[in-house]
Amino acid sequence: GSRLTGDEVDRRFRQAVKEHFGQRAASANAAGSELTRPPTNDDLERSTWQAVVRTVFADIDPARQTPLFDRLWQHFAEPQNWAFFDDAANVWRQLQRRGLLVGVASNWHPFVILLNYYEVEHR
């Protein structure tokens, strides 16, 4: 396994996200896209996050990086590993009472958002 400290993982993670997601934005801008972030799809998201994990955990044997990524990917696909801020449910209800339509947009797994919506509605 990795011998990185939590602080080192955090630092590397922030740097890797900027590097890999920044490359995607730069390539879209070079192609003449007006979007600040290029369109995405499941395969592109997965490959970009896989590159992030490889960069963060470069100290791990390359043969173990794919299983590590698969475990992390599955972990973050589970709704119990995501949470709203403590005041989100209250704000959501107040906006709905005022007649506003409320929604959540995400570039992550859609069922996570739907399950979290259900959770907010039934708190």
C-alpha atoms as a PDB file:
ATOM      1  CA  GLY A   1       0.000   0.000   0.000  1.00  0.00           C
ATOM      2  CA  SER A   2       0.828   3.643   0.029  1.00  0.00           C
ATOM      3  CA  ARG A   3       2.986   5.189   2.715  1.00  0.00           C
ATOM      4  CA  LEU A   4       1.670   8.696   2.108  1.00  0.00           C
ATOM      5  CA  THR A   5       0.316  10.694   5.027  1.00  0.00           C
ATOM      6  CA  GLY A   6      -3.229  12.028   4.897  1.00  0.00           C
ATOM      7  CA  ASP A   7      -1.872  15.541   4.373  1.00  0.00           C
ATOM      8  CA  GLU A   8       0.281  14.369   1.472  1.00  0.00           C
ATOM      9  CA  VAL A   9      -2.678  12.563  -0.137  1.00  0.00           C
ATOM     10  CA  ASP A  10      -4.744  15.743   0.227  1.00  0.00           C
ATOM     11  CA  ARG A  11      -2.023  17.912  -1.330  1.00  0.00           C
ATOM     12  CA  ARG A  12      -1.440  15.491  -4.197  1.00  0.00           C
ATOM     13  CA  PHE A  13      -5.173  15.104  -4.774  1.00  0.00           C
ATOM     14  CA  ARG A  14      -5.746  18.839  -5.122  1.00  0.00           C
ATOM     15  CA  GLN A  15      -2.796  19.123  -7.486  1.00  0.00           C
ATOM     16  CA  ALA A  16      -3.866  16.086  -9.566  1.00  0.00           C
ATOM     17  CA  VAL A  17      -7.450  17.346  -9.944  1.00  0.00           C
ATOM     18  CA  LYS A  18      -6.163  20.689 -11.223  1.00  0.00           C
ATOM     19  CA  GLU A  19      -3.753  18.943 -13.567  1.00  0.00           C
ATOM     20  CA  HIS A  20      -6.080  16.362 -15.104  1.00  0.00           C
ATOM     21  CA  PHE A  21      -9.335  18.302 -15.176  1.00  0.00           C
ATOM     22  CA  GLY A  22      -7.404  21.411 -16.246  1.00  0.00           C
ATOM     23  CA  GLN A  23      -6.031  19.523 -19.247  1.00  0.00           C
ATOM     24  CA  ARG A  24      -9.567  18.679 -20.332  1.00  0.00           C
ATOM     25  CA  ALA A  25     -10.653  22.310 -20.095  1.00  0.00           C
ATOM     26  CA  ALA A  26      -7.546  23.487 -21.956  1.00  0.00           C
ATOM     27  CA  SER A  27      -8.110  21.019 -24.792  1.00  0.00           C
ATOM     28  CA  ALA A  28     -11.746  22.127 -25.136  1.00  0.00           C
ATOM     29  CA  ASN A  29     -10.698  25.781 -25.220  1.00  0.00           C
ATOM     30  CA  ALA A  30      -8.004  25.027 -27.807  1.00  0.00           C
ATOM     31  CA  ALA A  31     -10.661  23.343 -29.940  1.00  0.00           C
ATOM     32  CA  GLY A  32     -12.667  26.565 -29.907  1.00  0.00           C
ATOM     33  CA  SER A  33     -15.297  25.515 -27.388  1.00  0.00           C
ATOM     34  CA  GLU A  34     -16.958  28.370 -25.530  1.00  0.00           C
ATOM     35  CA  LEU A  35     -17.537  26.175 -22.499  1.00  0.00           C
ATOM     36  CA  THR A  36     -15.338  26.720 -19.472  1.00  0.00           C
ATOM     37  CA  ARG A  37     -15.548  22.984 -18.875  1.00  0.00           C
ATOM     38  CA  PRO A  38     -15.945  20.643 -21.828  1.00  0.00           C
ATOM     39  CA  PRO A  39     -18.869  18.250 -22.203  1.00  0.00           C
ATOM     40  CA  THR A  40     -18.342  14.930 -20.493  1.00  0.00           C
ATOM     41  CA  ASN A  41     -19.561  11.356 -20.411  1.00  0.00           C
ATOM     42  CA  ASP A  42     -19.152   8.358 -18.117  1.00  0.00           C
ATOM     43  CA  ASP A  43     -16.067   6.982 -19.892  1.00  0.00           C
ATOM     44  CA  LEU A  44     -14.290  10.343 -19.879  1.00  0.00           C
ATOM     45  CA  GLU A  45     -15.107  10.945 -16.198  1.00  0.00           C
ATOM     46  CA  ARG A  46     -13.874   7.492 -15.255  1.00  0.00           C
ATOM     47  CA  SER A  47     -10.613   7.800 -17.201  1.00  0.00           C
ATOM     48  CA  THR A  48      -9.917  11.273 -15.807  1.00  0.00           C
ATOM     49  CA  TRP A  49     -10.536  10.152 -12.225  1.00  0.00           C
ATOM     50  CA  GLN A  50      -8.362   7.100 -12.872  1.00  0.00           C
ATOM     51  CA  ALA A  51      -5.548   9.433 -13.941  1.00  0.00           C
ATOM     52  CA  VAL A  52      -6.067  11.449 -10.743  1.00  0.00           C
ATOM     53  CA  VAL A  53      -5.751   8.317  -8.604  1.00  0.00           C
ATOM     54  CA  ARG A  54      -2.632   7.176 -10.508  1.00  0.00           C
ATOM     55  CA  THR A  55      -1.055  10.595  -9.954  1.00  0.00           C
ATOM     56  CA  VAL A  56      -1.916  10.747  -6.258  1.00  0.00           C
ATOM     57  CA  PHE A  57      -0.790   7.198  -5.527  1.00  0.00           C
ATOM     58  CA  ALA A  58       2.247   7.091  -7.806  1.00  0.00           C
ATOM     59  CA  ASP A  59       4.110   5.348  -4.970  1.00  0.00           C
ATOM     60  CA  ILE A  60       1.960   2.224  -5.354  1.00  0.00           C
ATOM     61  CA  ASP A  61       2.925  -0.677  -7.596  1.00  0.00           C
ATOM     62  CA  PRO A  62       1.228  -0.020 -10.979  1.00  0.00           C
ATOM     63  CA  ALA A  63      -0.351  -3.497 -10.880  1.00  0.00           C
ATOM     64  CA  ARG A  64      -2.233  -2.464  -7.722  1.00  0.00           C
ATOM     65  CA  GLN A  65      -3.411   0.928  -8.971  1.00  0.00           C
ATOM     66  CA  THR A  66      -6.331  -0.445 -11.012  1.00  0.00           C
ATOM     67  CA  PRO A  67      -7.797  -2.440  -8.093  1.00  0.00           C
ATOM     68  CA  LEU A  68      -7.331   0.617  -5.851  1.00  0.00           C
ATOM     69  CA  PHE A  69      -9.117   2.823  -8.357  1.00  0.00           C
ATOM     70  CA  ASP A  70     -11.948   0.301  -8.749  1.00  0.00           C
ATOM     71  CA  ARG A  71     -12.479   0.264  -4.966  1.00  0.00           C
ATOM     72  CA  LEU A  72     -12.457   4.057  -4.760  1.00  0.00           C
ATOM     73  CA  TRP A  73     -14.816   4.365  -7.754  1.00  0.00           C
ATOM     74  CA  GLN A  74     -17.272   1.924  -6.162  1.00  0.00           C
ATOM     75  CA  HIS A  75     -16.963   3.630  -2.769  1.00  0.00           C
ATOM     76  CA  PHE A  76     -17.935   7.014  -4.192  1.00  0.00           C
ATOM     77  CA  ALA A  77     -20.758   5.489  -6.243  1.00  0.00           C
ATOM     78  CA  GLU A  78     -22.532   4.560  -2.996  1.00  0.00           C
ATOM     79  CA  PRO A  79     -25.006   7.158  -1.710  1.00  0.00           C
ATOM     80  CA  GLN A  80     -23.993   6.712   1.936  1.00  0.00           C
ATOM     81  CA  ASN A  81     -20.600   8.189   1.047  1.00  0.00           C
ATOM     82  CA  TRP A  82     -22.122  11.505   0.019  1.00  0.00           C
ATOM     83  CA  ALA A  83     -23.846  14.051   2.207  1.00  0.00           C
ATOM     84  CA  PHE A  84     -25.550  17.389   1.938  1.00  0.00           C
ATOM     85  CA  PHE A  85     -24.328  20.245   4.085  1.00  0.00           C
ATOM     86  CA  ASP A  86     -26.216  20.283   7.381  1.00  0.00           C
ATOM     87  CA  ASP A  87     -28.437  23.203   6.388  1.00  0.00           C
ATOM     88  CA  ALA A  88     -29.209  22.004   2.838  1.00  0.00           C
ATOM     89  CA  ALA A  89     -32.491  20.245   3.642  1.00  0.00           C
ATOM     90  CA  ASN A  90     -33.841  23.314   5.449  1.00  0.00           C
ATOM     91  CA  VAL A  91     -32.841  25.669   2.625  1.00  0.00           C
ATOM     92  CA  TRP A  92     -34.331  23.254   0.060  1.00  0.00           C
ATOM     93  CA  ARG A  93     -37.695  23.241   1.889  1.00  0.00           C
ATOM     94  CA  GLN A  94     -37.746  27.032   2.319  1.00  0.00           C
ATOM     95  CA  LEU A  95     -37.170  27.547  -1.396  1.00  0.00           C
ATOM     96  CA  GLN A  96     -39.909  25.061  -2.257  1.00  0.00           C
ATOM     97  CA  ARG A  97     -42.349  26.793   0.128  1.00  0.00           C
ATOM     98  CA  ARG A  98     -41.715  29.994  -1.799  1.00  0.00           C
ATOM     99  CA  GLY A  99     -42.790  28.225  -4.960  1.00  0.00           C
ATOM    100  CA  LEU A 100     -39.347  27.880  -6.481  1.00  0.00           C
ATOM    101  CA  LEU A 101     -38.411  24.787  -8.429  1.00  0.00           C
ATOM    102  CA  VAL A 102     -35.341  23.249  -6.880  1.00  0.00           C
ATOM    103  CA  GLY A 103     -32.926  20.862  -8.543  1.00  0.00           C
ATOM    104  CA  VAL A 104     -29.429  19.513  -8.309  1.00  0.00           C
ATOM    105  CA  ALA A 105     -27.016  19.171 -11.198  1.00  0.00           C
ATOM    106  CA  SER A 106     -23.949  17.004 -10.953  1.00  0.00           C
ATOM    107  CA  ASN A 107     -21.306  15.458 -13.132  1.00  0.00           C
ATOM    108  CA  TRP A 108     -21.283  12.453 -10.863  1.00  0.00           C
ATOM    109  CA  HIS A 109     -23.356   9.272 -10.778  1.00  0.00           C
ATOM    110  CA  PRO A 110     -27.038  10.211 -11.286  1.00  0.00           C
ATOM    111  CA  PHE A 111     -28.539   7.699  -8.872  1.00  0.00           C
ATOM    112  CA  VAL A 112     -26.552   9.228  -6.010  1.00  0.00           C
ATOM    113  CA  ILE A 113     -28.268  12.562  -6.581  1.00  0.00           C
ATOM    114  CA  LEU A 114     -31.710  10.957  -6.799  1.00  0.00           C
ATOM    115  CA  LEU A 115     -31.198   9.023  -3.591  1.00  0.00           C
ATOM    116  CA  ASN A 116     -29.947  12.132  -1.815  1.00  0.00           C
ATOM    117  CA  TYR A 117     -32.981  14.065  -3.095  1.00  0.00           C
ATOM    118  CA  TYR A 118     -35.229  11.409  -1.626  1.00  0.00           C
ATOM    119  CA  GLU A 119     -33.308  11.661   1.634  1.00  0.00           C
ATOM    120  CA  VAL A 120     -33.804  15.457   1.808  1.00  0.00           C
ATOM    121  CA  GLU A 121     -37.493  15.191   1.001  1.00  0.00           C
ATOM    122  CA  HIS A 122     -38.069  12.721   3.809  1.00  0.00           C
ATOM    123  CA  ARG A 123     -36.039  14.216   6.641  1.00  0.00           C
END
